[in-house]
Amino acid sequence: MSTEQKVVLITGASQGIGAGLVEGYLSRGYRVVANSRSIKPSTSPNVLTVDGDISQPATAERIVGAAMERFGRIDTLVNNAGVFISKPFVDYSQDDLMALVSLNLFGFFHVTQKAAAQMLRQGAGHIVNITTTLAEQPMTSVPAAIPALTKGGLNSVTRSLAIEFAGRGVRVNAVSPGIIKTPMHPARNHETLATLHPMQRMGEVREIVEAVLYLETAAFVTGEILHVDGGAHAGRW
């Protein structure tokens, strides 16, 4: 298969933001490697689905290996897979902690390390991390200290890797969403969730996709944490 077409690897790609990203990149002419724990096969010749838990090193190796075998290159990695558990800090269990750290941090590490190594060999690439505004602007109504610990770590590593890779052709950015209308939020909760943003509405999946695609074409932007949150990051309101 020709290796001229650009290739994006997207984790957490089976629904919500991840599924929107798959469609967004396809519309830009990319080939897509889509991963989630239980993703269904695709009939499109431009989409390769690879199931598996990215918190396991072997899964990350399998995903990157499959991308190279099928398409011969990796131009972009979008670290979208993640888990969010909201509860008071003293109520978090060891299982909660491991679930959050395993996917949000270990998953990021395993996939990014292998994909970045390929990008550095190519001399070009782009990594986008999906974080959360709650990592920087906590809310009393949404206690989320451990998600903030993990997603805040992604904000920090975004800047660190942006500097480390800046002279080698690889950019690293992040998109920091507010609360987005996805299947994880039942419609009955939308009215309440809308009030958690100064703009008094929830975000749409397409708005996160548009932000990621902006960063994709912004060749002079690296180390950026792009907030798409209806103003929530700006401070208390």
C-alpha atoms as a PDB file:
ATOM      1  CA  MET A   1       0.000   0.000   0.000  1.00  0.00           C
ATOM      2  CA  SER A   2       1.207   3.539  -0.786  1.00  0.00           C
ATOM      3  CA  THR A   3       2.847   5.346   2.129  1.00  0.00           C
ATOM      4  CA  GLU A   4       2.270   8.854   0.764  1.00  0.00           C
ATOM      5  CA  GLN A   5      -1.013   9.492   2.581  1.00  0.00           C
ATOM      6  CA  LYS A   6      -0.683  10.773   6.141  1.00  0.00           C
ATOM      7  CA  VAL A   7      -1.653   8.487   9.010  1.00  0.00           C
ATOM      8  CA  VAL A   8      -3.186   9.301  12.406  1.00  0.00           C
ATOM      9  CA  LEU A   9      -3.400   6.940  15.373  1.00  0.00           C
ATOM     10  CA  ILE A  10      -6.372   7.676  17.655  1.00  0.00           C
ATOM     11  CA  THR A  11      -6.986   5.985  21.008  1.00  0.00           C
ATOM     12  CA  GLY A  12     -10.428   5.766  22.579  1.00  0.00           C
ATOM     13  CA  ALA A  13     -11.830   5.870  19.062  1.00  0.00           C
ATOM     14  CA  SER A  14     -15.038   3.858  19.313  1.00  0.00           C
ATOM     15  CA  GLN A  15     -17.464   6.590  20.409  1.00  0.00           C
ATOM     16  CA  GLY A  16     -17.844  10.215  21.446  1.00  0.00           C
ATOM     17  CA  ILE A  17     -14.852  12.466  20.798  1.00  0.00           C
ATOM     18  CA  GLY A  18     -12.771   9.569  19.492  1.00  0.00           C
ATOM     19  CA  ALA A  19     -15.317   8.591  16.853  1.00  0.00           C
ATOM     20  CA  GLY A  20     -15.632  12.238  15.871  1.00  0.00           C
ATOM     21  CA  LEU A  21     -11.865  12.460  15.461  1.00  0.00           C
ATOM     22  CA  VAL A  22     -11.860   9.425  13.172  1.00  0.00           C
ATOM     23  CA  GLU A  23     -14.395  11.102  10.877  1.00  0.00           C
ATOM     24  CA  GLY A  24     -12.618  14.453  11.095  1.00  0.00           C
ATOM     25  CA  TYR A  25      -9.269  13.055  10.029  1.00  0.00           C
ATOM     26  CA  LEU A  26     -10.820  10.954   7.262  1.00  0.00           C
ATOM     27  CA  SER A  27     -12.397  14.136   5.895  1.00  0.00           C
ATOM     28  CA  ARG A  28      -8.897  15.630   5.727  1.00  0.00           C
ATOM     29  CA  GLY A  29      -7.623  12.701   3.669  1.00  0.00           C
ATOM     30  CA  TYR A  30      -5.795  10.857   6.449  1.00  0.00           C
ATOM     31  CA  ARG A  31      -5.642   7.138   6.954  1.00  0.00           C
ATOM     32  CA  VAL A  32      -6.691   6.227  10.485  1.00  0.00           C
ATOM     33  CA  VAL A  33      -5.551   3.638  13.007  1.00  0.00           C
ATOM     34  CA  ALA A  34      -8.395   3.510  15.541  1.00  0.00           C
ATOM     35  CA  ASN A  35      -8.080   1.850  18.934  1.00  0.00           C
ATOM     36  CA  SER A  36     -10.342   1.144  21.869  1.00  0.00           C
ATOM     37  CA  ARG A  37     -10.843  -1.837  24.135  1.00  0.00           C
ATOM     38  CA  SER A  38     -13.728  -3.224  22.075  1.00  0.00           C
ATOM     39  CA  ILE A  39     -13.702  -1.381  18.749  1.00  0.00           C
ATOM     40  CA  LYS A  40     -15.522  -2.991  15.826  1.00  0.00           C
ATOM     41  CA  PRO A  41     -13.779  -3.739  12.515  1.00  0.00           C
ATOM     42  CA  SER A  42     -14.140  -1.126   9.800  1.00  0.00           C
ATOM     43  CA  THR A  43     -15.013  -1.770   6.166  1.00  0.00           C
ATOM     44  CA  SER A  44     -13.107   1.324   5.024  1.00  0.00           C
ATOM     45  CA  PRO A  45      -9.706   0.656   3.411  1.00  0.00           C
ATOM     46  CA  ASN A  46      -8.506   3.858   5.083  1.00  0.00           C
ATOM     47  CA  VAL A  47      -9.337   2.715   8.633  1.00  0.00           C
ATOM     48  CA  LEU A  48      -7.472   0.047  10.569  1.00  0.00           C
ATOM     49  CA  THR A  49      -9.085  -0.879  13.887  1.00  0.00           C
ATOM     50  CA  VAL A  50      -6.981  -2.428  16.641  1.00  0.00           C
ATOM     51  CA  ASP A  51      -8.703  -3.407  19.865  1.00  0.00           C
ATOM     52  CA  GLY A  52      -7.004  -3.701  23.233  1.00  0.00           C
ATOM     53  CA  ASP A  53      -6.226  -2.029  26.538  1.00  0.00           C
ATOM     54  CA  ILE A  54      -3.463   0.560  26.053  1.00  0.00           C
ATOM     55  CA  SER A  55      -2.533   0.414  29.718  1.00  0.00           C
ATOM     56  CA  GLN A  56      -0.760  -2.819  28.738  1.00  0.00           C
ATOM     57  CA  PRO A  57       2.622  -2.341  26.989  1.00  0.00           C
ATOM     58  CA  ALA A  58       1.978  -5.236  24.601  1.00  0.00           C
ATOM     59  CA  THR A  59      -1.170  -3.540  23.304  1.00  0.00           C
ATOM     60  CA  ALA A  60       0.690  -0.337  22.485  1.00  0.00           C
ATOM     61  CA  GLU A  61       3.363  -2.314  20.673  1.00  0.00           C
ATOM     62  CA  ARG A  62       0.697  -4.163  18.708  1.00  0.00           C
ATOM     63  CA  ILE A  63      -1.101  -0.951  17.690  1.00  0.00           C
ATOM     64  CA  VAL A  64       2.027   0.826  16.497  1.00  0.00           C
ATOM     65  CA  GLY A  65       3.282  -2.324  14.794  1.00  0.00           C
ATOM     66  CA  ALA A  66      -0.028  -2.753  12.965  1.00  0.00           C
ATOM     67  CA  ALA A  67       0.048   0.884  11.840  1.00  0.00           C
ATOM     68  CA  MET A  68       3.519   0.504  10.376  1.00  0.00           C
ATOM     69  CA  GLU A  69       2.735  -2.830   8.738  1.00  0.00           C
ATOM     70  CA  ARG A  70      -0.480  -1.563   7.114  1.00  0.00           C
ATOM     71  CA  PHE A  71       0.377   2.064   6.309  1.00  0.00           C
ATOM     72  CA  GLY A  72       4.137   2.409   6.726  1.00  0.00           C
ATOM     73  CA  ARG A  73       4.120   5.635   8.751  1.00  0.00           C
ATOM     74  CA  ILE A  74       2.609   7.483  11.728  1.00  0.00           C
ATOM     75  CA  ASP A  75       2.209  11.236  11.337  1.00  0.00           C
ATOM     76  CA  THR A  76      -0.096  12.052  14.240  1.00  0.00           C
ATOM     77  CA  LEU A  77      -1.052  10.471  17.546  1.00  0.00           C
ATOM     78  CA  VAL A  78      -4.159  11.644  19.386  1.00  0.00           C
ATOM     79  CA  ASN A  79      -4.174  10.387  22.970  1.00  0.00           C
ATOM     80  CA  ASN A  80      -7.927  10.511  23.495  1.00  0.00           C
ATOM     81  CA  ALA A  81      -8.516   7.385  25.618  1.00  0.00           C
ATOM     82  CA  GLY A  82      -9.102   8.159  29.253  1.00  0.00           C
ATOM     83  CA  VAL A  83     -11.263   7.522  32.270  1.00  0.00           C
ATOM     84  CA  PHE A  84     -12.939  10.023  34.612  1.00  0.00           C
ATOM     85  CA  ILE A  85     -14.161   9.194  38.115  1.00  0.00           C
ATOM     86  CA  SER A  86     -15.626  12.018  40.205  1.00  0.00           C
ATOM     87  CA  LYS A  87     -15.911  11.621  43.966  1.00  0.00           C
ATOM     88  CA  PRO A  88     -14.594  13.251  47.151  1.00  0.00           C
ATOM     89  CA  PHE A  89     -10.867  12.678  47.555  1.00  0.00           C
ATOM     90  CA  VAL A  90     -11.205  10.621  50.749  1.00  0.00           C
ATOM     91  CA  ASP A  91     -13.655   8.275  49.017  1.00  0.00           C
ATOM     92  CA  TYR A  92     -11.331   7.163  46.203  1.00  0.00           C
ATOM     93  CA  SER A  93     -10.442   3.488  46.434  1.00  0.00           C
ATOM     94  CA  GLN A  94      -7.257   1.742  45.394  1.00  0.00           C
ATOM     95  CA  ASP A  95      -9.180   0.349  42.408  1.00  0.00           C
ATOM     96  CA  ASP A  96     -10.232   3.875  41.408  1.00  0.00           C
ATOM     97  CA  LEU A  97      -6.650   5.078  41.638  1.00  0.00           C
ATOM     98  CA  MET A  98      -5.307   2.226  39.545  1.00  0.00           C
ATOM     99  CA  ALA A  99      -8.016   2.625  36.900  1.00  0.00           C
ATOM    100  CA  LEU A 100      -7.234   6.323  36.506  1.00  0.00           C
ATOM    101  CA  VAL A 101      -3.461   6.005  36.555  1.00  0.00           C
ATOM    102  CA  SER A 102      -3.380   2.909  34.341  1.00  0.00           C
ATOM    103  CA  LEU A 103      -5.333   4.372  31.449  1.00  0.00           C
ATOM    104  CA  ASN A 104      -4.670   8.109  31.755  1.00  0.00           C
ATOM    105  CA  LEU A 105      -0.925   7.855  32.437  1.00  0.00           C
ATOM    106  CA  PHE A 106       0.350   4.347  31.653  1.00  0.00           C
ATOM    107  CA  GLY A 107      -1.740   4.252  28.471  1.00  0.00           C
ATOM    108  CA  PHE A 108      -0.342   7.604  27.404  1.00  0.00           C
ATOM    109  CA  PHE A 109       3.208   6.498  28.133  1.00  0.00           C
ATOM    110  CA  HIS A 110       3.136   3.153  26.331  1.00  0.00           C
ATOM    111  CA  VAL A 111       1.546   4.393  23.100  1.00  0.00           C
ATOM    112  CA  THR A 112       3.293   7.751  22.969  1.00  0.00           C
ATOM    113  CA  GLN A 113       6.767   6.361  23.553  1.00  0.00           C
ATOM    114  CA  LYS A 114       6.435   3.924  20.663  1.00  0.00           C
ATOM    115  CA  ALA A 115       4.710   6.343  18.296  1.00  0.00           C
ATOM    116  CA  ALA A 116       7.142   9.156  19.115  1.00  0.00           C
ATOM    117  CA  ALA A 117      10.110   6.904  18.368  1.00  0.00           C
ATOM    118  CA  GLN A 118       8.715   6.350  14.874  1.00  0.00           C
ATOM    119  CA  MET A 119       8.018  10.061  14.371  1.00  0.00           C
ATOM    120  CA  LEU A 120      11.570  10.938  15.406  1.00  0.00           C
ATOM    121  CA  ARG A 121      12.907   8.442  12.880  1.00  0.00           C
ATOM    122  CA  GLN A 122      10.720  10.090  10.237  1.00  0.00           C
ATOM    123  CA  GLY A 123      11.857  13.562  11.304  1.00  0.00           C
ATOM    124  CA  ALA A 124       8.263  14.794  11.583  1.00  0.00           C
ATOM    125  CA  GLY A 125       5.116  14.179  13.601  1.00  0.00           C
ATOM    126  CA  HIS A 126       2.443  15.597  15.872  1.00  0.00           C
ATOM    127  CA  ILE A 127       1.133  14.401  19.237  1.00  0.00           C
ATOM    128  CA  VAL A 128      -2.119  15.734  20.708  1.00  0.00           C
ATOM    129  CA  ASN A 129      -3.207  14.922  24.264  1.00  0.00           C
ATOM    130  CA  ILE A 130      -6.845  15.289  25.319  1.00  0.00           C
ATOM    131  CA  THR A 131      -6.860  16.561  28.898  1.00  0.00           C
ATOM    132  CA  THR A 132      -9.526  18.444  30.907  1.00  0.00           C
ATOM    133  CA  THR A 133     -10.096  21.960  32.175  1.00  0.00           C
ATOM    134  CA  LEU A 134     -10.764  20.500  35.635  1.00  0.00           C
ATOM    135  CA  ALA A 135      -7.021  19.835  35.920  1.00  0.00           C
ATOM    136  CA  GLU A 136      -6.442  23.600  36.091  1.00  0.00           C
ATOM    137  CA  GLN A 137      -9.783  25.007  37.261  1.00  0.00           C
ATOM    138  CA  PRO A 138     -11.344  22.808  39.961  1.00  0.00           C
ATOM    139  CA  MET A 139     -15.061  23.030  40.761  1.00  0.00           C
ATOM    140  CA  THR A 140     -16.636  22.372  44.135  1.00  0.00           C
ATOM    141  CA  SER A 141     -19.572  20.739  42.347  1.00  0.00           C
ATOM    142  CA  VAL A 142     -17.314  18.218  40.534  1.00  0.00           C
ATOM    143  CA  PRO A 143     -14.742  16.796  42.979  1.00  0.00           C
ATOM    144  CA  ALA A 144     -12.065  15.221  40.793  1.00  0.00           C
ATOM    145  CA  ALA A 145      -8.668  15.347  42.488  1.00  0.00           C
ATOM    146  CA  ILE A 146      -7.311  12.106  41.012  1.00  0.00           C
ATOM    147  CA  PRO A 147      -8.483  12.781  37.451  1.00  0.00           C
ATOM    148  CA  ALA A 148      -6.881  16.205  37.866  1.00  0.00           C
ATOM    149  CA  LEU A 149      -3.676  14.546  39.064  1.00  0.00           C
ATOM    150  CA  THR A 150      -3.498  12.385  35.952  1.00  0.00           C
ATOM    151  CA  LYS A 151      -4.753  14.861  33.352  1.00  0.00           C
ATOM    152  CA  GLY A 152      -2.667  17.623  34.909  1.00  0.00           C
ATOM    153  CA  GLY A 153       0.290  15.327  34.362  1.00  0.00           C
ATOM    154  CA  LEU A 154      -0.603  15.214  30.662  1.00  0.00           C
ATOM    155  CA  ASN A 155      -0.609  19.022  30.546  1.00  0.00           C
ATOM    156  CA  SER A 156       2.882  19.053  32.050  1.00  0.00           C
ATOM    157  CA  VAL A 157       4.279  16.357  29.782  1.00  0.00           C
ATOM    158  CA  THR A 158       2.817  18.167  26.768  1.00  0.00           C
ATOM    159  CA  ARG A 159       5.054  21.147  27.459  1.00  0.00           C
ATOM    160  CA  SER A 160       8.041  19.024  28.402  1.00  0.00           C
ATOM    161  CA  LEU A 161       7.930  16.901  25.258  1.00  0.00           C
ATOM    162  CA  ALA A 162       7.240  19.952  23.096  1.00  0.00           C
ATOM    163  CA  ILE A 163      10.596  21.369  24.196  1.00  0.00           C
ATOM    164  CA  GLU A 164      12.395  18.032  23.992  1.00  0.00           C
ATOM    165  CA  PHE A 165      11.207  17.337  20.429  1.00  0.00           C
ATOM    166  CA  ALA A 166      11.039  20.905  19.052  1.00  0.00           C
ATOM    167  CA  GLY A 167      14.317  20.686  17.188  1.00  0.00           C
ATOM    168  CA  ARG A 168      13.540  17.262  15.726  1.00  0.00           C
ATOM    169  CA  GLY A 169      10.376  17.994  13.772  1.00  0.00           C
ATOM    170  CA  VAL A 170       7.805  16.638  16.244  1.00  0.00           C
ATOM    171  CA  ARG A 171       5.190  18.961  17.761  1.00  0.00           C
ATOM    172  CA  VAL A 172       3.275  18.193  20.972  1.00  0.00           C
ATOM    173  CA  ASN A 173       0.044  19.938  21.951  1.00  0.00           C
ATOM    174  CA  ALA A 174      -3.063  19.360  24.054  1.00  0.00           C
ATOM    175  CA  VAL A 175      -6.756  20.140  23.885  1.00  0.00           C
ATOM    176  CA  SER A 176      -8.411  20.757  27.234  1.00  0.00           C
ATOM    177  CA  PRO A 177     -12.195  20.297  26.963  1.00  0.00           C
ATOM    178  CA  GLY A 178     -14.981  21.300  29.258  1.00  0.00           C
ATOM    179  CA  ILE A 179     -17.930  18.940  29.564  1.00  0.00           C
ATOM    180  CA  ILE A 180     -18.836  17.633  26.118  1.00  0.00           C
ATOM    181  CA  LYS A 181     -22.067  16.023  24.879  1.00  0.00           C
ATOM    182  CA  THR A 182     -21.029  12.396  24.532  1.00  0.00           C
ATOM    183  CA  PRO A 183     -22.709   9.080  25.413  1.00  0.00           C
ATOM    184  CA  MET A 184     -21.113   9.194  28.868  1.00  0.00           C
ATOM    185  CA  HIS A 185     -23.497  12.042  29.828  1.00  0.00           C
ATOM    186  CA  PRO A 186     -27.217  11.082  29.785  1.00  0.00           C
ATOM    187  CA  ALA A 187     -29.490  13.705  28.220  1.00  0.00           C
ATOM    188  CA  ARG A 188     -31.298  14.144  31.535  1.00  0.00           C
ATOM    189  CA  ASN A 189     -28.106  15.684  32.980  1.00  0.00           C
ATOM    190  CA  HIS A 190     -27.373  18.107  30.143  1.00  0.00           C
ATOM    191  CA  GLU A 191     -29.232  21.084  31.605  1.00  0.00           C
ATOM    192  CA  THR A 192     -27.308  20.858  34.875  1.00  0.00           C
ATOM    193  CA  LEU A 193     -23.968  20.252  33.166  1.00  0.00           C
ATOM    194  CA  ALA A 194     -24.492  23.294  30.950  1.00  0.00           C
ATOM    195  CA  THR A 195     -24.426  25.536  34.053  1.00  0.00           C
ATOM    196  CA  LEU A 196     -20.827  24.473  34.793  1.00  0.00           C
ATOM    197  CA  HIS A 197     -19.583  26.655  31.919  1.00  0.00           C
ATOM    198  CA  PRO A 198     -19.676  30.476  31.779  1.00  0.00           C
ATOM    199  CA  MET A 199     -21.220  30.213  28.292  1.00  0.00           C
ATOM    200  CA  GLN A 200     -24.065  28.217  29.876  1.00  0.00           C
ATOM    201  CA  ARG A 201     -23.934  25.276  27.496  1.00  0.00           C
ATOM    202  CA  MET A 202     -22.092  22.007  27.026  1.00  0.00           C
ATOM    203  CA  GLY A 203     -19.534  21.582  24.284  1.00  0.00           C
ATOM    204  CA  GLU A 204     -20.136  19.595  21.119  1.00  0.00           C
ATOM    205  CA  VAL A 205     -17.907  16.781  19.856  1.00  0.00           C
ATOM    206  CA  ARG A 206     -17.327  18.679  16.601  1.00  0.00           C
ATOM    207  CA  GLU A 207     -15.844  21.589  18.573  1.00  0.00           C
ATOM    208  CA  ILE A 208     -13.151  19.351  20.048  1.00  0.00           C
ATOM    209  CA  VAL A 209     -12.504  17.807  16.636  1.00  0.00           C
ATOM    210  CA  GLU A 210     -12.146  21.285  15.110  1.00  0.00           C
ATOM    211  CA  ALA A 211      -9.641  22.241  17.819  1.00  0.00           C
ATOM    212  CA  VAL A 212      -7.521  19.152  17.188  1.00  0.00           C
ATOM    213  CA  LEU A 213      -7.613  19.738  13.427  1.00  0.00           C
ATOM    214  CA  TYR A 214      -6.594  23.373  13.959  1.00  0.00           C
ATOM    215  CA  LEU A 215      -3.520  22.199  15.871  1.00  0.00           C
ATOM    216  CA  GLU A 216      -2.846  19.699  13.102  1.00  0.00           C
ATOM    217  CA  THR A 217      -2.305  22.514  10.608  1.00  0.00           C
ATOM    218  CA  ALA A 218      -0.742  25.058  12.994  1.00  0.00           C
ATOM    219  CA  ALA A 219       2.880  24.358  12.091  1.00  0.00           C
ATOM    220  CA  PHE A 220       4.336  27.009  14.429  1.00  0.00           C
ATOM    221  CA  VAL A 221       2.340  25.871  17.486  1.00  0.00           C
ATOM    222  CA  THR A 222       3.826  23.430  19.992  1.00  0.00           C
ATOM    223  CA  GLY A 223       3.520  23.117  23.757  1.00  0.00           C
ATOM    224  CA  GLU A 224       0.023  24.612  23.594  1.00  0.00           C
ATOM    225  CA  ILE A 225      -2.849  23.708  25.956  1.00  0.00           C
ATOM    226  CA  LEU A 226      -5.864  24.753  23.889  1.00  0.00           C
ATOM    227  CA  HIS A 227      -8.944  25.196  26.081  1.00  0.00           C
ATOM    228  CA  VAL A 228     -12.299  24.383  24.514  1.00  0.00           C
ATOM    229  CA  ASP A 229     -14.487  24.781  27.574  1.00  0.00           C
ATOM    230  CA  GLY A 230     -16.907  27.687  27.243  1.00  0.00           C
ATOM    231  CA  GLY A 231     -14.589  29.884  29.312  1.00  0.00           C
ATOM    232  CA  ALA A 232     -14.345  27.579  32.327  1.00  0.00           C
ATOM    233  CA  HIS A 233     -10.540  27.816  32.495  1.00  0.00           C
ATOM    234  CA  ALA A 234     -10.641  31.617  32.816  1.00  0.00           C
ATOM    235  CA  GLY A 235     -11.460  31.498  36.503  1.00  0.00           C
ATOM    236  CA  ARG A 236     -14.325  31.387  38.974  1.00  0.00           C
ATOM    237  CA  TRP A 237     -17.722  32.696  37.977  1.00  0.00           C
END
